[in-house]
Amino acid sequence: MTSRQLVLGMQFSGGYGAAPGARRLPGANLNSYTDMDQFVRYAQSAERGKIQLLFIADTPCGVVDVSAY
């Protein structure tokens, strides 16, 4: 009988978080969406939490009017 293991993963959906309008929250770092150092900090935090898989979503960015988001 083989032992089963659970693999933990984490998805990066954006620099501010996945909640709609998260960029409007007080204290939100508006530069974190494109700040690669921020993603490194996220990855380091995930590593400390024993996360084994990181997924960075590939999303289109051709939206002109971002005020609705």
PDB file of N, CA and C in Angstrom:
ATOM      1  N   MET A   1       0.842  -1.178   0.000  1.00  0.00           N
ATOM      2  CA  MET A   1       0.000   0.000   0.000  1.00  0.00           C
ATOM      3  C   MET A   1       0.892   1.248   0.000  1.00  0.00           C
ATOM      4  N   THR A   2       0.608   2.168  -0.905  1.00  0.00           N
ATOM      5  CA  THR A   2       1.409   3.394  -0.985  1.00  0.00           C
ATOM      6  C   THR A   2       0.797   4.475  -0.106  1.00  0.00           C
ATOM      7  N   SER A   3       1.653   5.321   0.440  1.00  0.00           N
ATOM      8  CA  SER A   3       1.142   6.435   1.239  1.00  0.00           C
ATOM      9  C   SER A   3       0.780   7.593   0.317  1.00  0.00           C
ATOM     10  N   ARG A   4      -0.298   8.246   0.618  1.00  0.00           N
ATOM     11  CA  ARG A   4      -0.761   9.365  -0.197  1.00  0.00           C
ATOM     12  C   ARG A   4      -0.325  10.676   0.439  1.00  0.00           C
ATOM     13  N   GLN A   5      -0.003  11.655  -0.396  1.00  0.00           N
ATOM     14  CA  GLN A   5       0.405  12.958   0.097  1.00  0.00           C
ATOM     15  C   GLN A   5      -0.447  14.033  -0.556  1.00  0.00           C
ATOM     16  N   LEU A   6      -0.642  15.103   0.139  1.00  0.00           N
ATOM     17  CA  LEU A   6      -1.380  16.246  -0.355  1.00  0.00           C
ATOM     18  C   LEU A   6      -0.379  17.298  -0.809  1.00  0.00           C
ATOM     19  N   VAL A   7      -0.542  17.808  -2.021  1.00  0.00           N
ATOM     20  CA  VAL A   7       0.315  18.864  -2.551  1.00  0.00           C
ATOM     21  C   VAL A   7      -0.446  20.181  -2.418  1.00  0.00           C
ATOM     22  N   LEU A   8       0.150  21.140  -1.742  1.00  0.00           N
ATOM     23  CA  LEU A   8      -0.477  22.443  -1.553  1.00  0.00           C
ATOM     24  C   LEU A   8      -0.025  23.408  -2.642  1.00  0.00           C
ATOM     25  N   GLY A   9      -0.974  24.149  -3.189  1.00  0.00           N
ATOM     26  CA  GLY A   9      -0.665  25.117  -4.230  1.00  0.00           C
ATOM     27  C   GLY A   9      -1.280  26.463  -3.919  1.00  0.00           C
ATOM     28  N   MET A  10      -0.814  27.474  -4.626  1.00  0.00           N
ATOM     29  CA  MET A  10      -1.290  28.838  -4.414  1.00  0.00           C
ATOM     30  C   MET A  10      -1.331  29.554  -5.753  1.00  0.00           C
ATOM     31  N   GLN A  11      -2.387  30.325  -5.977  1.00  0.00           N
ATOM     32  CA  GLN A  11      -2.518  31.081  -7.227  1.00  0.00           C
ATOM     33  C   GLN A  11      -2.320  32.565  -6.956  1.00  0.00           C
ATOM     34  N   PHE A  12      -1.487  33.202  -7.775  1.00  0.00           N
ATOM     35  CA  PHE A  12      -1.351  34.655  -7.733  1.00  0.00           C
ATOM     36  C   PHE A  12      -2.314  35.225  -8.755  1.00  0.00           C
ATOM     37  N   SER A  13      -3.316  35.943  -8.294  1.00  0.00           N
ATOM     38  CA  SER A  13      -4.299  36.478  -9.228  1.00  0.00           C
ATOM     39  C   SER A  13      -4.053  37.942  -9.546  1.00  0.00           C
ATOM     40  N   GLY A  14      -3.198  38.578  -8.838  1.00  0.00           N
ATOM     41  CA  GLY A  14      -2.895  39.983  -9.079  1.00  0.00           C
ATOM     42  C   GLY A  14      -2.130  40.543  -7.901  1.00  0.00           C
ATOM     43  N   GLY A  15      -1.615  41.713  -8.072  1.00  0.00           N
ATOM     44  CA  GLY A  15      -0.799  42.313  -7.023  1.00  0.00           C
ATOM     45  C   GLY A  15      -1.564  42.795  -5.818  1.00  0.00           C
ATOM     46  N   TYR A  16      -2.869  43.051  -5.976  1.00  0.00           N
ATOM     47  CA  TYR A  16      -3.640  43.604  -4.856  1.00  0.00           C
ATOM     48  C   TYR A  16      -4.489  42.562  -4.158  1.00  0.00           C
ATOM     49  N   GLY A  17      -4.725  41.448  -4.782  1.00  0.00           N
ATOM     50  CA  GLY A  17      -5.621  40.438  -4.242  1.00  0.00           C
ATOM     51  C   GLY A  17      -6.711  40.126  -5.257  1.00  0.00           C
ATOM     52  N   ALA A  18      -7.512  39.133  -4.986  1.00  0.00           N
ATOM     53  CA  ALA A  18      -8.508  38.680  -5.948  1.00  0.00           C
ATOM     54  C   ALA A  18      -9.849  39.386  -5.791  1.00  0.00           C
ATOM     55  N   ALA A  19     -10.065  40.089  -4.706  1.00  0.00           N
ATOM     56  CA  ALA A  19     -11.346  40.743  -4.491  1.00  0.00           C
ATOM     57  C   ALA A  19     -11.519  41.926  -5.435  1.00  0.00           C
ATOM     58  N   PRO A  20     -12.697  42.041  -6.054  1.00  0.00           N
ATOM     59  CA  PRO A  20     -12.944  43.198  -6.917  1.00  0.00           C
ATOM     60  C   PRO A  20     -12.783  44.501  -6.130  1.00  0.00           C
ATOM     61  N   GLY A  21     -12.091  45.441  -6.693  1.00  0.00           N
ATOM     62  CA  GLY A  21     -11.900  46.725  -6.035  1.00  0.00           C
ATOM     63  C   GLY A  21     -10.846  46.713  -4.936  1.00  0.00           C
ATOM     64  N   ALA A  22     -10.077  45.647  -4.818  1.00  0.00           N
ATOM     65  CA  ALA A  22      -9.072  45.567  -3.751  1.00  0.00           C
ATOM     66  C   ALA A  22      -8.045  46.683  -3.865  1.00  0.00           C
ATOM     67  N   ARG A  23      -7.805  47.154  -5.070  1.00  0.00           N
ATOM     68  CA  ARG A  23      -6.822  48.227  -5.263  1.00  0.00           C
ATOM     69  C   ARG A  23      -7.294  49.532  -4.644  1.00  0.00           C
ATOM     70  N   ARG A  24      -8.580  49.639  -4.344  1.00  0.00           N
ATOM     71  CA  ARG A  24      -9.127  50.864  -3.758  1.00  0.00           C
ATOM     72  C   ARG A  24      -9.080  50.875  -2.235  1.00  0.00           C
ATOM     73  N   LEU A  25      -8.690  49.765  -1.632  1.00  0.00           N
ATOM     74  CA  LEU A  25      -8.654  49.688  -0.177  1.00  0.00           C
ATOM     75  C   LEU A  25      -7.558  50.597   0.385  1.00  0.00           C
ATOM     76  N   PRO A  26      -7.815  51.209   1.535  1.00  0.00           N
ATOM     77  CA  PRO A  26      -6.776  52.036   2.149  1.00  0.00           C
ATOM     78  C   PRO A  26      -5.533  51.199   2.435  1.00  0.00           C
ATOM     79  N   GLY A  27      -4.404  51.725   2.090  1.00  0.00           N
ATOM     80  CA  GLY A  27      -3.152  51.019   2.332  1.00  0.00           C
ATOM     81  C   GLY A  27      -2.735  50.070   1.224  1.00  0.00           C
ATOM     82  N   ALA A  28      -3.552  49.931   0.175  1.00  0.00           N
ATOM     83  CA  ALA A  28      -3.188  49.048  -0.934  1.00  0.00           C
ATOM     84  C   ALA A  28      -2.017  49.655  -1.703  1.00  0.00           C
ATOM     85  N   ASN A  29      -1.019  48.842  -1.971  1.00  0.00           N
ATOM     86  CA  ASN A  29       0.149  49.300  -2.730  1.00  0.00           C
ATOM     87  C   ASN A  29      -0.193  49.224  -4.217  1.00  0.00           C
ATOM     88  N   LEU A  30      -0.409  50.352  -4.845  1.00  0.00           N
ATOM     89  CA  LEU A  30      -0.836  50.379  -6.243  1.00  0.00           C
ATOM     90  C   LEU A  30       0.252  49.917  -7.199  1.00  0.00           C
ATOM     91  N   ASN A  31       1.485  49.879  -6.752  1.00  0.00           N
ATOM     92  CA  ASN A  31       2.583  49.411  -7.606  1.00  0.00           C
ATOM     93  C   ASN A  31       2.809  47.905  -7.502  1.00  0.00           C
ATOM     94  N   SER A  32       2.119  47.229  -6.586  1.00  0.00           N
ATOM     95  CA  SER A  32       2.388  45.816  -6.363  1.00  0.00           C
ATOM     96  C   SER A  32       1.953  44.931  -7.527  1.00  0.00           C
ATOM     97  N   TYR A  33       1.067  45.422  -8.389  1.00  0.00           N
ATOM     98  CA  TYR A  33       0.592  44.624  -9.523  1.00  0.00           C
ATOM     99  C   TYR A  33       1.721  44.285 -10.484  1.00  0.00           C
ATOM    100  N   THR A  34       2.670  45.198 -10.644  1.00  0.00           N
ATOM    101  CA  THR A  34       3.788  44.974 -11.562  1.00  0.00           C
ATOM    102  C   THR A  34       5.132  44.900 -10.849  1.00  0.00           C
ATOM    103  N   ASP A  35       5.121  44.883  -9.542  1.00  0.00           N
ATOM    104  CA  ASP A  35       6.353  44.862  -8.754  1.00  0.00           C
ATOM    105  C   ASP A  35       6.810  43.418  -8.563  1.00  0.00           C
ATOM    106  N   MET A  36       7.842  43.021  -9.269  1.00  0.00           N
ATOM    107  CA  MET A  36       8.326  41.638  -9.174  1.00  0.00           C
ATOM    108  C   MET A  36       8.889  41.321  -7.790  1.00  0.00           C
ATOM    109  N   ASP A  37       9.418  42.330  -7.102  1.00  0.00           N
ATOM    110  CA  ASP A  37       9.891  42.109  -5.734  1.00  0.00           C
ATOM    111  C   ASP A  37       8.735  41.703  -4.820  1.00  0.00           C
ATOM    112  N   GLN A  38       7.543  42.249  -5.073  1.00  0.00           N
ATOM    113  CA  GLN A  38       6.361  41.865  -4.298  1.00  0.00           C
ATOM    114  C   GLN A  38       6.033  40.394  -4.533  1.00  0.00           C
ATOM    115  N   PHE A  39       6.106  39.934  -5.787  1.00  0.00           N
ATOM    116  CA  PHE A  39       5.841  38.535  -6.084  1.00  0.00           C
ATOM    117  C   PHE A  39       6.893  37.627  -5.439  1.00  0.00           C
ATOM    118  N   VAL A  40       8.132  38.103  -5.352  1.00  0.00           N
ATOM    119  CA  VAL A  40       9.177  37.327  -4.665  1.00  0.00           C
ATOM    120  C   VAL A  40       8.828  37.207  -3.186  1.00  0.00           C
ATOM    121  N   ARG A  41       8.361  38.286  -2.582  1.00  0.00           N
ATOM    122  CA  ARG A  41       7.961  38.225  -1.167  1.00  0.00           C
ATOM    123  C   ARG A  41       6.784  37.265  -0.973  1.00  0.00           C
ATOM    124  N   TYR A  42       5.827  37.289  -1.906  1.00  0.00           N
ATOM    125  CA  TYR A  42       4.710  36.338  -1.835  1.00  0.00           C
ATOM    126  C   TYR A  42       5.233  34.904  -1.902  1.00  0.00           C
ATOM    127  N   ALA A  43       6.147  34.643  -2.830  1.00  0.00           N
ATOM    128  CA  ALA A  43       6.702  33.303  -3.003  1.00  0.00           C
ATOM    129  C   ALA A  43       7.481  32.867  -1.764  1.00  0.00           C
ATOM    130  N   GLN A  44       8.237  33.781  -1.174  1.00  0.00           N
ATOM    131  CA  GLN A  44       8.984  33.449   0.038  1.00  0.00           C
ATOM    132  C   GLN A  44       8.042  33.126   1.192  1.00  0.00           C
ATOM    133  N   SER A  45       6.956  33.876   1.288  1.00  0.00           N
ATOM    134  CA  SER A  45       5.964  33.607   2.323  1.00  0.00           C
ATOM    135  C   SER A  45       5.297  32.257   2.093  1.00  0.00           C
ATOM    136  N   ALA A  46       4.980  31.955   0.835  1.00  0.00           N
ATOM    137  CA  ALA A  46       4.385  30.655   0.502  1.00  0.00           C
ATOM    138  C   ALA A  46       5.344  29.518   0.833  1.00  0.00           C
ATOM    139  N   GLU A  47       6.622  29.730   0.579  1.00  0.00           N
ATOM    140  CA  GLU A  47       7.625  28.707   0.886  1.00  0.00           C
ATOM    141  C   GLU A  47       7.691  28.442   2.389  1.00  0.00           C
ATOM    142  N   ARG A  48       7.630  29.497   3.178  1.00  0.00           N
ATOM    143  CA  ARG A  48       7.617  29.319   4.637  1.00  0.00           C
ATOM    144  C   ARG A  48       6.392  28.529   5.083  1.00  0.00           C
ATOM    145  N   GLY A  49       5.278  28.675   4.343  1.00  0.00           N
ATOM    146  CA  GLY A  49       4.059  27.948   4.660  1.00  0.00           C
ATOM    147  C   GLY A  49       3.996  26.564   4.035  1.00  0.00           C
ATOM    148  N   LYS A  50       5.112  26.105   3.465  1.00  0.00           N
ATOM    149  CA  LYS A  50       5.223  24.760   2.872  1.00  0.00           C
ATOM    150  C   LYS A  50       4.359  24.594   1.613  1.00  0.00           C
ATOM    151  N   ILE A  51       4.063  25.707   0.912  1.00  0.00           N
ATOM    152  CA  ILE A  51       3.349  25.647  -0.364  1.00  0.00           C
ATOM    153  C   ILE A  51       4.310  25.088  -1.407  1.00  0.00           C
ATOM    154  N   GLN A  52       3.855  24.111  -2.189  1.00  0.00           N
ATOM    155  CA  GLN A  52       4.735  23.424  -3.132  1.00  0.00           C
ATOM    156  C   GLN A  52       4.530  23.849  -4.584  1.00  0.00           C
ATOM    157  N   LEU A  53       3.474  24.603  -4.865  1.00  0.00           N
ATOM    158  CA  LEU A  53       3.161  24.972  -6.235  1.00  0.00           C
ATOM    159  C   LEU A  53       2.683  26.409  -6.273  1.00  0.00           C
ATOM    160  N   LEU A  54       3.239  27.214  -7.150  1.00  0.00           N
ATOM    161  CA  LEU A  54       2.788  28.590  -7.354  1.00  0.00           C
ATOM    162  C   LEU A  54       2.292  28.720  -8.791  1.00  0.00           C
ATOM    163  N   PHE A  55       1.113  29.295  -8.953  1.00  0.00           N
ATOM    164  CA  PHE A  55       0.534  29.500 -10.278  1.00  0.00           C
ATOM    165  C   PHE A  55       0.294  30.983 -10.467  1.00  0.00           C
ATOM    166  N   ILE A  56       0.874  31.546 -11.501  1.00  0.00           N
ATOM    167  CA  ILE A  56       0.654  32.953 -11.839  1.00  0.00           C
ATOM    168  C   ILE A  56      -0.235  32.984 -13.069  1.00  0.00           C
ATOM    169  N   ALA A  57      -1.434  33.513 -12.919  1.00  0.00           N
ATOM    170  CA  ALA A  57      -2.407  33.517 -14.001  1.00  0.00           C
ATOM    171  C   ALA A  57      -1.942  34.403 -15.152  1.00  0.00           C
ATOM    172  N   ASP A  58      -2.138  33.917 -16.346  1.00  0.00           N
ATOM    173  CA  ASP A  58      -1.824  34.673 -17.558  1.00  0.00           C
ATOM    174  C   ASP A  58      -3.119  35.319 -18.028  1.00  0.00           C
ATOM    175  N   THR A  59      -3.277  36.597 -17.736  1.00  0.00           N
ATOM    176  CA  THR A  59      -4.524  37.272 -18.067  1.00  0.00           C
ATOM    177  C   THR A  59      -4.289  38.366 -19.092  1.00  0.00           C
ATOM    178  N   PRO A  60      -5.244  38.564 -19.974  1.00  0.00           N
ATOM    179  CA  PRO A  60      -5.112  39.651 -20.955  1.00  0.00           C
ATOM    180  C   PRO A  60      -5.162  41.004 -20.255  1.00  0.00           C
ATOM    181  N   CYS A  61      -4.444  41.945 -20.764  1.00  0.00           N
ATOM    182  CA  CYS A  61      -4.419  43.263 -20.127  1.00  0.00           C
ATOM    183  C   CYS A  61      -4.739  44.366 -21.138  1.00  0.00           C
ATOM    184  N   GLY A  62      -5.630  44.075 -22.066  1.00  0.00           N
ATOM    185  CA  GLY A  62      -5.990  45.067 -23.074  1.00  0.00           C
ATOM    186  C   GLY A  62      -7.192  45.897 -22.698  1.00  0.00           C
ATOM    187  N   VAL A  63      -7.577  45.896 -21.414  1.00  0.00           N
ATOM    188  CA  VAL A  63      -8.739  46.671 -20.978  1.00  0.00           C
ATOM    189  C   VAL A  63      -8.342  48.142 -20.931  1.00  0.00           C
ATOM    190  N   VAL A  64      -9.145  48.970 -21.578  1.00  0.00           N
ATOM    191  CA  VAL A  64      -8.848  50.406 -21.606  1.00  0.00           C
ATOM    192  C   VAL A  64      -9.399  51.106 -20.388  1.00  0.00           C
ATOM    193  N   ASP A  65     -10.671  50.855 -20.061  1.00  0.00           N
ATOM    194  CA  ASP A  65     -11.319  51.513 -18.940  1.00  0.00           C
ATOM    195  C   ASP A  65     -11.260  50.609 -17.708  1.00  0.00           C
ATOM    196  N   VAL A  66     -10.327  50.877 -16.802  1.00  0.00           N
ATOM    197  CA  VAL A  66     -10.190  50.035 -15.613  1.00  0.00           C
ATOM    198  C   VAL A  66     -10.986  50.577 -14.422  1.00  0.00           C
ATOM    199  N   SER A  67     -11.733  51.660 -14.621  1.00  0.00           N
ATOM    200  CA  SER A  67     -12.481  52.243 -13.513  1.00  0.00           C
ATOM    201  C   SER A  67     -13.593  51.329 -13.004  1.00  0.00           C
ATOM    202  N   ALA A  68     -14.030  50.379 -13.835  1.00  0.00           N
ATOM    203  CA  ALA A  68     -15.094  49.457 -13.428  1.00  0.00           C
ATOM    204  C   ALA A  68     -14.559  48.333 -12.562  1.00  0.00           C
ATOM    205  N   TYR A  69     -13.278  48.206 -12.417  1.00  0.00           N
ATOM    206  CA  TYR A  69     -12.709  47.073 -11.670  1.00  0.00           C
ATOM    207  C   TYR A  69     -12.299  47.460 -10.295  1.00  0.00           C
TER     208      TYR A  69
END
